[in-house]
Amino acid sequence: AGGTTGACSWTLSGYPGTGTYTLTISG
């Protein structure tokens, strides 16, 4: 569902079938 990217974290959200995702970078 997510992980780290450098000093930050990432998460992917969305819903199957919508065809779109939101990528969130935090930290």
mmCIF file of all heavy atoms, coordinates in Angstrom:
data_MODEL
# 
_entry.id   MODEL 
# 
loop_
_atom_site.group_PDB 
_atom_site.id 
_atom_site.type_symbol 
_atom_site.label_atom_id 
_atom_site.label_alt_id 
_atom_site.label_comp_id 
_atom_site.label_asym_id 
_atom_site.label_entity_id 
_atom_site.label_seq_id 
_atom_site.pdbx_PDB_ins_code 
_atom_site.Cartn_x 
_atom_site.Cartn_y 
_atom_site.Cartn_z 
_atom_site.occupancy 
_atom_site.B_iso_or_equiv 
_atom_site.pdbx_formal_charge 
_atom_site.auth_seq_id 
_atom_site.auth_comp_id 
_atom_site.auth_asym_id 
_atom_site.auth_atom_id 
_atom_site.pdbx_PDB_model_num 
ATOM 1   N N   . ALA A 1 1  ? 0.826   -1.216 0.000   1.00 0.00 ? 1  ALA A N   1 
ATOM 2   C CA  . ALA A 1 1  ? 0.000   0.000  0.000   1.00 0.00 ? 1  ALA A CA  1 
ATOM 3   C C   . ALA A 1 1  ? 0.852   1.254  0.000   1.00 0.00 ? 1  ALA A C   1 
ATOM 4   O O   . ALA A 1 1  ? 0.378   2.339  -0.308  1.00 0.00 ? 1  ALA A O   1 
ATOM 5   C CB  . ALA A 1 1  ? -0.921  0.006  1.210   1.00 0.00 ? 1  ALA A CB  1 
ATOM 6   N N   . GLY A 1 2  ? 2.099   1.147  0.345   1.00 0.00 ? 2  GLY A N   1 
ATOM 7   C CA  . GLY A 1 2  ? 2.970   2.314  0.392   1.00 0.00 ? 2  GLY A CA  1 
ATOM 8   C C   . GLY A 1 2  ? 4.344   1.894  0.882   1.00 0.00 ? 2  GLY A C   1 
ATOM 9   O O   . GLY A 1 2  ? 4.639   0.709  1.028   1.00 0.00 ? 2  GLY A O   1 
ATOM 10  N N   . GLY A 1 3  ? 5.211   2.898  1.094   1.00 0.00 ? 3  GLY A N   1 
ATOM 11  C CA  . GLY A 1 3  ? 6.549   2.600  1.543   1.00 0.00 ? 3  GLY A CA  1 
ATOM 12  C C   . GLY A 1 3  ? 7.330   3.891  1.717   1.00 0.00 ? 3  GLY A C   1 
ATOM 13  O O   . GLY A 1 3  ? 6.749   4.967  1.896   1.00 0.00 ? 3  GLY A O   1 
ATOM 14  N N   . THR A 1 4  ? 8.609   3.780  1.697   1.00 0.00 ? 4  THR A N   1 
ATOM 15  C CA  . THR A 1 4  ? 9.467   4.965  1.889   1.00 0.00 ? 4  THR A CA  1 
ATOM 16  C C   . THR A 1 4  ? 10.071  5.391  0.574   1.00 0.00 ? 4  THR A C   1 
ATOM 17  O O   . THR A 1 4  ? 10.275  4.570  -0.329  1.00 0.00 ? 4  THR A O   1 
ATOM 18  C CB  . THR A 1 4  ? 10.591  4.656  2.886   1.00 0.00 ? 4  THR A CB  1 
ATOM 19  O OG1 . THR A 1 4  ? 11.382  3.579  2.374   1.00 0.00 ? 4  THR A OG1 1 
ATOM 20  C CG2 . THR A 1 4  ? 10.022  4.270  4.244   1.00 0.00 ? 4  THR A CG2 1 
ATOM 21  N N   . THR A 1 5  ? 10.336  6.661  0.480   1.00 0.00 ? 5  THR A N   1 
ATOM 22  C CA  . THR A 1 5  ? 11.042  7.230  -0.665  1.00 0.00 ? 5  THR A CA  1 
ATOM 23  C C   . THR A 1 5  ? 11.982  8.304  -0.131  1.00 0.00 ? 5  THR A C   1 
ATOM 24  O O   . THR A 1 5  ? 11.558  9.424  0.168   1.00 0.00 ? 5  THR A O   1 
ATOM 25  C CB  . THR A 1 5  ? 10.074  7.810  -1.725  1.00 0.00 ? 5  THR A CB  1 
ATOM 26  O OG1 . THR A 1 5  ? 10.837  8.522  -2.683  1.00 0.00 ? 5  THR A OG1 1 
ATOM 27  C CG2 . THR A 1 5  ? 9.008   8.699  -1.128  1.00 0.00 ? 5  THR A CG2 1 
ATOM 28  N N   . GLY A 1 6  ? 13.228  7.940  0.067   1.00 0.00 ? 6  GLY A N   1 
ATOM 29  C CA  . GLY A 1 6  ? 14.184  8.844  0.706   1.00 0.00 ? 6  GLY A CA  1 
ATOM 30  C C   . GLY A 1 6  ? 13.815  9.053  2.161   1.00 0.00 ? 6  GLY A C   1 
ATOM 31  O O   . GLY A 1 6  ? 13.555  8.081  2.896   1.00 0.00 ? 6  GLY A O   1 
ATOM 32  N N   . ALA A 1 7  ? 13.741  10.327 2.607   1.00 0.00 ? 7  ALA A N   1 
ATOM 33  C CA  . ALA A 1 7  ? 13.362  10.650 3.985   1.00 0.00 ? 7  ALA A CA  1 
ATOM 34  C C   . ALA A 1 7  ? 11.856  10.715 4.137   1.00 0.00 ? 7  ALA A C   1 
ATOM 35  O O   . ALA A 1 7  ? 11.359  11.002 5.245   1.00 0.00 ? 7  ALA A O   1 
ATOM 36  C CB  . ALA A 1 7  ? 13.996  11.988 4.382   1.00 0.00 ? 7  ALA A CB  1 
ATOM 37  N N   . CYS A 1 8  ? 11.119  10.433 3.088   1.00 0.00 ? 8  CYS A N   1 
ATOM 38  C CA  . CYS A 1 8  ? 9.659   10.583 3.095   1.00 0.00 ? 8  CYS A CA  1 
ATOM 39  C C   . CYS A 1 8  ? 8.965   9.223  2.933   1.00 0.00 ? 8  CYS A C   1 
ATOM 40  O O   . CYS A 1 8  ? 9.613   8.196  2.772   1.00 0.00 ? 8  CYS A O   1 
ATOM 41  C CB  . CYS A 1 8  ? 9.235   11.529 1.967   1.00 0.00 ? 8  CYS A CB  1 
ATOM 42  S SG  . CYS A 1 8  ? 10.019  13.161 2.039   1.00 0.00 ? 8  CYS A SG  1 
ATOM 43  N N   . SER A 1 9  ? 7.655   9.249  2.980   1.00 0.00 ? 9  SER A N   1 
ATOM 44  C CA  . SER A 1 9  ? 6.828   8.053  2.779   1.00 0.00 ? 9  SER A CA  1 
ATOM 45  C C   . SER A 1 9  ? 5.879   8.290  1.599   1.00 0.00 ? 9  SER A C   1 
ATOM 46  O O   . SER A 1 9  ? 5.538   9.431  1.264   1.00 0.00 ? 9  SER A O   1 
ATOM 47  C CB  . SER A 1 9  ? 6.013   7.753  4.041   1.00 0.00 ? 9  SER A CB  1 
ATOM 48  O OG  . SER A 1 9  ? 6.858   7.512  5.149   1.00 0.00 ? 9  SER A OG  1 
ATOM 49  N N   . TRP A 1 10 ? 5.417   7.183  0.995   1.00 0.00 ? 10 TRP A N   1 
ATOM 50  C CA  . TRP A 1 10 ? 4.422   7.300  -0.083  1.00 0.00 ? 10 TRP A CA  1 
ATOM 51  C C   . TRP A 1 10 ? 3.254   6.351  0.165   1.00 0.00 ? 10 TRP A C   1 
ATOM 52  O O   . TRP A 1 10 ? 3.401   5.278  0.751   1.00 0.00 ? 10 TRP A O   1 
ATOM 53  C CB  . TRP A 1 10 ? 5.033   7.015  -1.460  1.00 0.00 ? 10 TRP A CB  1 
ATOM 54  C CG  . TRP A 1 10 ? 5.463   5.566  -1.653  1.00 0.00 ? 10 TRP A CG  1 
ATOM 55  C CD1 . TRP A 1 10 ? 6.639   5.016  -1.310  1.00 0.00 ? 10 TRP A CD1 1 
ATOM 56  C CD2 . TRP A 1 10 ? 4.663   4.514  -2.213  1.00 0.00 ? 10 TRP A CD2 1 
ATOM 57  N NE1 . TRP A 1 10 ? 6.679   3.695  -1.598  1.00 0.00 ? 10 TRP A NE1 1 
ATOM 58  C CE2 . TRP A 1 10 ? 5.459   3.345  -2.198  1.00 0.00 ? 10 TRP A CE2 1 
ATOM 59  C CE3 . TRP A 1 10 ? 3.386   4.434  -2.736  1.00 0.00 ? 10 TRP A CE3 1 
ATOM 60  C CZ2 . TRP A 1 10 ? 5.012   2.124  -2.652  1.00 0.00 ? 10 TRP A CZ2 1 
ATOM 61  C CZ3 . TRP A 1 10 ? 2.939   3.217  -3.212  1.00 0.00 ? 10 TRP A CZ3 1 
ATOM 62  C CH2 . TRP A 1 10 ? 3.736   2.072  -3.173  1.00 0.00 ? 10 TRP A CH2 1 
ATOM 63  N N   . THR A 1 11 ? 2.084   6.755  -0.228  1.00 0.00 ? 11 THR A N   1 
ATOM 64  C CA  . THR A 1 11 ? 0.888   5.906  -0.138  1.00 0.00 ? 11 THR A CA  1 
ATOM 65  C C   . THR A 1 11 ? 0.086   6.092  -1.426  1.00 0.00 ? 11 THR A C   1 
ATOM 66  O O   . THR A 1 11 ? 0.094   7.151  -2.047  1.00 0.00 ? 11 THR A O   1 
ATOM 67  C CB  . THR A 1 11 ? 0.007   6.282  1.061   1.00 0.00 ? 11 THR A CB  1 
ATOM 68  O OG1 . THR A 1 11 ? -0.355  7.668  0.975   1.00 0.00 ? 11 THR A OG1 1 
ATOM 69  C CG2 . THR A 1 11 ? 0.716   6.011  2.376   1.00 0.00 ? 11 THR A CG2 1 
ATOM 70  N N   . LEU A 1 12 ? -0.605  4.989  -1.792  1.00 0.00 ? 12 LEU A N   1 
ATOM 71  C CA  . LEU A 1 12 ? -1.416  5.012  -3.012  1.00 0.00 ? 12 LEU A CA  1 
ATOM 72  C C   . LEU A 1 12 ? -2.860  4.764  -2.610  1.00 0.00 ? 12 LEU A C   1 
ATOM 73  O O   . LEU A 1 12 ? -3.162  3.845  -1.838  1.00 0.00 ? 12 LEU A O   1 
ATOM 74  C CB  . LEU A 1 12 ? -0.939  3.909  -3.962  1.00 0.00 ? 12 LEU A CB  1 
ATOM 75  C CG  . LEU A 1 12 ? -1.394  3.985  -5.409  1.00 0.00 ? 12 LEU A CG  1 
ATOM 76  C CD1 . LEU A 1 12 ? -0.799  5.229  -6.081  1.00 0.00 ? 12 LEU A CD1 1 
ATOM 77  C CD2 . LEU A 1 12 ? -0.952  2.731  -6.168  1.00 0.00 ? 12 LEU A CD2 1 
ATOM 78  N N   . SER A 1 13 ? -3.742  5.590  -3.093  1.00 0.00 ? 13 SER A N   1 
ATOM 79  C CA  . SER A 1 13 ? -5.158  5.426  -2.769  1.00 0.00 ? 13 SER A CA  1 
ATOM 80  C C   . SER A 1 13 ? -5.988  5.508  -4.043  1.00 0.00 ? 13 SER A C   1 
ATOM 81  O O   . SER A 1 13 ? -5.568  6.066  -5.052  1.00 0.00 ? 13 SER A O   1 
ATOM 82  C CB  . SER A 1 13 ? -5.600  6.506  -1.777  1.00 0.00 ? 13 SER A CB  1 
ATOM 83  O OG  . SER A 1 13 ? -5.410  7.806  -2.318  1.00 0.00 ? 13 SER A OG  1 
ATOM 84  N N   . GLY A 1 14 ? -7.136  4.936  -3.952  1.00 0.00 ? 14 GLY A N   1 
ATOM 85  C CA  . GLY A 1 14 ? -8.039  4.898  -5.111  1.00 0.00 ? 14 GLY A CA  1 
ATOM 86  C C   . GLY A 1 14 ? -9.015  3.757  -4.941  1.00 0.00 ? 14 GLY A C   1 
ATOM 87  O O   . GLY A 1 14 ? -9.144  3.170  -3.853  1.00 0.00 ? 14 GLY A O   1 
ATOM 88  N N   . TYR A 1 15 ? -9.714  3.392  -6.004  1.00 0.00 ? 15 TYR A N   1 
ATOM 89  C CA  . TYR A 1 15 ? -10.701 2.324  -5.885  1.00 0.00 ? 15 TYR A CA  1 
ATOM 90  C C   . TYR A 1 15 ? -10.691 1.502  -7.175  1.00 0.00 ? 15 TYR A C   1 
ATOM 91  O O   . TYR A 1 15 ? -10.679 2.064  -8.272  1.00 0.00 ? 15 TYR A O   1 
ATOM 92  C CB  . TYR A 1 15 ? -12.101 2.911  -5.650  1.00 0.00 ? 15 TYR A CB  1 
ATOM 93  C CG  . TYR A 1 15 ? -13.111 1.869  -5.255  1.00 0.00 ? 15 TYR A CG  1 
ATOM 94  C CD1 . TYR A 1 15 ? -13.190 1.407  -3.946  1.00 0.00 ? 15 TYR A CD1 1 
ATOM 95  C CD2 . TYR A 1 15 ? -13.960 1.321  -6.209  1.00 0.00 ? 15 TYR A CD2 1 
ATOM 96  C CE1 . TYR A 1 15 ? -14.119 0.435  -3.599  1.00 0.00 ? 15 TYR A CE1 1 
ATOM 97  C CE2 . TYR A 1 15 ? -14.883 0.355  -5.863  1.00 0.00 ? 15 TYR A CE2 1 
ATOM 98  C CZ  . TYR A 1 15 ? -14.957 -0.089 -4.567  1.00 0.00 ? 15 TYR A CZ  1 
ATOM 99  O OH  . TYR A 1 15 ? -15.866 -1.052 -4.225  1.00 0.00 ? 15 TYR A OH  1 
ATOM 100 N N   . PRO A 1 16 ? -10.684 0.179  -7.073  1.00 0.00 ? 16 PRO A N   1 
ATOM 101 C CA  . PRO A 1 16 ? -10.639 -0.640 -8.288  1.00 0.00 ? 16 PRO A CA  1 
ATOM 102 C C   . PRO A 1 16 ? -11.791 -0.303 -9.239  1.00 0.00 ? 16 PRO A C   1 
ATOM 103 O O   . PRO A 1 16 ? -12.916 -0.147 -8.820  1.00 0.00 ? 16 PRO A O   1 
ATOM 104 C CB  . PRO A 1 16 ? -10.773 -2.078 -7.763  1.00 0.00 ? 16 PRO A CB  1 
ATOM 105 C CG  . PRO A 1 16 ? -10.307 -1.998 -6.358  1.00 0.00 ? 16 PRO A CG  1 
ATOM 106 C CD  . PRO A 1 16 ? -10.703 -0.629 -5.864  1.00 0.00 ? 16 PRO A CD  1 
ATOM 107 N N   . GLY A 1 17 ? -11.473 -0.162 -10.466 1.00 0.00 ? 17 GLY A N   1 
ATOM 108 C CA  . GLY A 1 17 ? -12.488 0.117  -11.467 1.00 0.00 ? 17 GLY A CA  1 
ATOM 109 C C   . GLY A 1 17 ? -12.616 1.582  -11.807 1.00 0.00 ? 17 GLY A C   1 
ATOM 110 O O   . GLY A 1 17 ? -13.128 1.921  -12.862 1.00 0.00 ? 17 GLY A O   1 
ATOM 111 N N   . THR A 1 18 ? -12.137 2.467  -10.950 1.00 0.00 ? 18 THR A N   1 
ATOM 112 C CA  . THR A 1 18 ? -12.234 3.893  -11.273 1.00 0.00 ? 18 THR A CA  1 
ATOM 113 C C   . THR A 1 18 ? -11.192 4.277  -12.301 1.00 0.00 ? 18 THR A C   1 
ATOM 114 O O   . THR A 1 18 ? -11.353 5.252  -13.027 1.00 0.00 ? 18 THR A O   1 
ATOM 115 C CB  . THR A 1 18 ? -12.032 4.749  -10.017 1.00 0.00 ? 18 THR A CB  1 
ATOM 116 O OG1 . THR A 1 18 ? -10.706 4.540  -9.511  1.00 0.00 ? 18 THR A OG1 1 
ATOM 117 C CG2 . THR A 1 18 ? -13.048 4.388  -8.935  1.00 0.00 ? 18 THR A CG2 1 
ATOM 118 N N   . GLY A 1 19 ? -10.096 3.532  -12.323 1.00 0.00 ? 19 GLY A N   1 
ATOM 119 C CA  . GLY A 1 19 ? -9.047  3.835  -13.285 1.00 0.00 ? 19 GLY A CA  1 
ATOM 120 C C   . GLY A 1 19 ? -8.143  4.973  -12.877 1.00 0.00 ? 19 GLY A C   1 
ATOM 121 O O   . GLY A 1 19 ? -7.272  5.380  -13.650 1.00 0.00 ? 19 GLY A O   1 
ATOM 122 N N   . THR A 1 20 ? -8.300  5.489  -11.681 1.00 0.00 ? 20 THR A N   1 
ATOM 123 C CA  . THR A 1 20 ? -7.457  6.601  -11.226 1.00 0.00 ? 20 THR A CA  1 
ATOM 124 C C   . THR A 1 20 ? -6.941  6.317  -9.826  1.00 0.00 ? 20 THR A C   1 
ATOM 125 O O   . THR A 1 20 ? -7.603  5.670  -9.009  1.00 0.00 ? 20 THR A O   1 
ATOM 126 C CB  . THR A 1 20 ? -8.247  7.912  -11.208 1.00 0.00 ? 20 THR A CB  1 
ATOM 127 O OG1 . THR A 1 20 ? -9.354  7.811  -10.298 1.00 0.00 ? 20 THR A OG1 1 
ATOM 128 C CG2 . THR A 1 20 ? -8.764  8.256  -12.599 1.00 0.00 ? 20 THR A CG2 1 
ATOM 129 N N   . TYR A 1 21 ? -5.714  6.810  -9.582  1.00 0.00 ? 21 TYR A N   1 
ATOM 130 C CA  . TYR A 1 21 ? -5.105  6.688  -8.257  1.00 0.00 ? 21 TYR A CA  1 
ATOM 131 C C   . TYR A 1 21 ? -4.582  8.054  -7.822  1.00 0.00 ? 21 TYR A C   1 
ATOM 132 O O   . TYR A 1 21 ? -4.261  8.917  -8.653  1.00 0.00 ? 21 TYR A O   1 
ATOM 133 C CB  . TYR A 1 21 ? -3.922  5.711  -8.283  1.00 0.00 ? 21 TYR A CB  1 
ATOM 134 C CG  . TYR A 1 21 ? -4.311  4.290  -8.644  1.00 0.00 ? 21 TYR A CG  1 
ATOM 135 C CD1 . TYR A 1 21 ? -3.938  3.744  -9.864  1.00 0.00 ? 21 TYR A CD1 1 
ATOM 136 C CD2 . TYR A 1 21 ? -5.030  3.500  -7.749  1.00 0.00 ? 21 TYR A CD2 1 
ATOM 137 C CE1 . TYR A 1 21 ? -4.276  2.444  -10.202 1.00 0.00 ? 21 TYR A CE1 1 
ATOM 138 C CE2 . TYR A 1 21 ? -5.376  2.205  -8.085  1.00 0.00 ? 21 TYR A CE2 1 
ATOM 139 C CZ  . TYR A 1 21 ? -5.000  1.685  -9.303  1.00 0.00 ? 21 TYR A CZ  1 
ATOM 140 O OH  . TYR A 1 21 ? -5.354  0.399  -9.626  1.00 0.00 ? 21 TYR A OH  1 
ATOM 141 N N   . THR A 1 22 ? -4.471  8.186  -6.500  1.00 0.00 ? 22 THR A N   1 
ATOM 142 C CA  . THR A 1 22 ? -3.852  9.381  -5.904  1.00 0.00 ? 22 THR A CA  1 
ATOM 143 C C   . THR A 1 22 ? -2.599  8.949  -5.166  1.00 0.00 ? 22 THR A C   1 
ATOM 144 O O   . THR A 1 22 ? -2.659  8.072  -4.287  1.00 0.00 ? 22 THR A O   1 
ATOM 145 C CB  . THR A 1 22 ? -4.807  10.085 -4.933  1.00 0.00 ? 22 THR A CB  1 
ATOM 146 O OG1 . THR A 1 22 ? -5.959  10.536 -5.654  1.00 0.00 ? 22 THR A OG1 1 
ATOM 147 C CG2 . THR A 1 22 ? -4.119  11.281 -4.268  1.00 0.00 ? 22 THR A CG2 1 
ATOM 148 N N   . LEU A 1 23 ? -1.458  9.553  -5.526  1.00 0.00 ? 23 LEU A N   1 
ATOM 149 C CA  . LEU A 1 23 ? -0.181  9.264  -4.877  1.00 0.00 ? 23 LEU A CA  1 
ATOM 150 C C   . LEU A 1 23 ? 0.127   10.400 -3.899  1.00 0.00 ? 23 LEU A C   1 
ATOM 151 O O   . LEU A 1 23 ? 0.176   11.568 -4.296  1.00 0.00 ? 23 LEU A O   1 
ATOM 152 C CB  . LEU A 1 23 ? 0.927   9.166  -5.923  1.00 0.00 ? 23 LEU A CB  1 
ATOM 153 C CG  . LEU A 1 23 ? 2.346   8.947  -5.390  1.00 0.00 ? 23 LEU A CG  1 
ATOM 154 C CD1 . LEU A 1 23 ? 2.463   7.616  -4.628  1.00 0.00 ? 23 LEU A CD1 1 
ATOM 155 C CD2 . LEU A 1 23 ? 3.363   9.006  -6.537  1.00 0.00 ? 23 LEU A CD2 1 
ATOM 156 N N   . THR A 1 24 ? 0.316   10.009 -2.654  1.00 0.00 ? 24 THR A N   1 
ATOM 157 C CA  . THR A 1 24 ? 0.586   11.012 -1.621  1.00 0.00 ? 24 THR A CA  1 
ATOM 158 C C   . THR A 1 24 ? 1.995   10.815 -1.067  1.00 0.00 ? 24 THR A C   1 
ATOM 159 O O   . THR A 1 24 ? 2.368   9.696  -0.680  1.00 0.00 ? 24 THR A O   1 
ATOM 160 C CB  . THR A 1 24 ? -0.427  10.894 -0.473  1.00 0.00 ? 24 THR A CB  1 
ATOM 161 O OG1 . THR A 1 24 ? -1.759  11.072 -1.011  1.00 0.00 ? 24 THR A OG1 1 
ATOM 162 C CG2 . THR A 1 24 ? -0.156  11.961 0.585   1.00 0.00 ? 24 THR A CG2 1 
ATOM 163 N N   . ILE A 1 25 ? 2.798   11.922 -1.087  1.00 0.00 ? 25 ILE A N   1 
ATOM 164 C CA  . ILE A 1 25 ? 4.151   11.922 -0.518  1.00 0.00 ? 25 ILE A CA  1 
ATOM 165 C C   . ILE A 1 25 ? 4.109   12.754 0.772   1.00 0.00 ? 25 ILE A C   1 
ATOM 166 O O   . ILE A 1 25 ? 3.657   13.908 0.759   1.00 0.00 ? 25 ILE A O   1 
ATOM 167 C CB  . ILE A 1 25 ? 5.178   12.532 -1.485  1.00 0.00 ? 25 ILE A CB  1 
ATOM 168 C CG1 . ILE A 1 25 ? 5.069   11.857 -2.881  1.00 0.00 ? 25 ILE A CG1 1 
ATOM 169 C CG2 . ILE A 1 25 ? 6.583   12.402 -0.922  1.00 0.00 ? 25 ILE A CG2 1 
ATOM 170 C CD1 . ILE A 1 25 ? 5.386   10.393 -2.887  1.00 0.00 ? 25 ILE A CD1 1 
ATOM 171 N N   . SER A 1 26 ? 4.564   12.144 1.876   1.00 0.00 ? 26 SER A N   1 
ATOM 172 C CA  . SER A 1 26 ? 4.499   12.863 3.171   1.00 0.00 ? 26 SER A CA  1 
ATOM 173 C C   . SER A 1 26 ? 5.795   12.675 3.940   1.00 0.00 ? 26 SER A C   1 
ATOM 174 O O   . SER A 1 26 ? 6.645   11.853 3.564   1.00 0.00 ? 26 SER A O   1 
ATOM 175 C CB  . SER A 1 26 ? 3.319   12.346 3.993   1.00 0.00 ? 26 SER A CB  1 
ATOM 176 O OG  . SER A 1 26 ? 3.460   10.946 4.241   1.00 0.00 ? 26 SER A OG  1 
ATOM 177 N N   . GLY A 1 27 ? 5.941   13.451 5.016   1.00 0.00 ? 27 GLY A N   1 
ATOM 178 C CA  . GLY A 1 27 ? 7.143   13.347 5.848   1.00 0.00 ? 27 GLY A CA  1 
ATOM 179 C C   . GLY A 1 27 ? 7.947   14.631 5.821   1.00 0.00 ? 27 GLY A C   1 
ATOM 180 O O   . GLY A 1 27 ? 7.498   15.666 5.301   1.00 0.00 ? 27 GLY A O   1 
# 
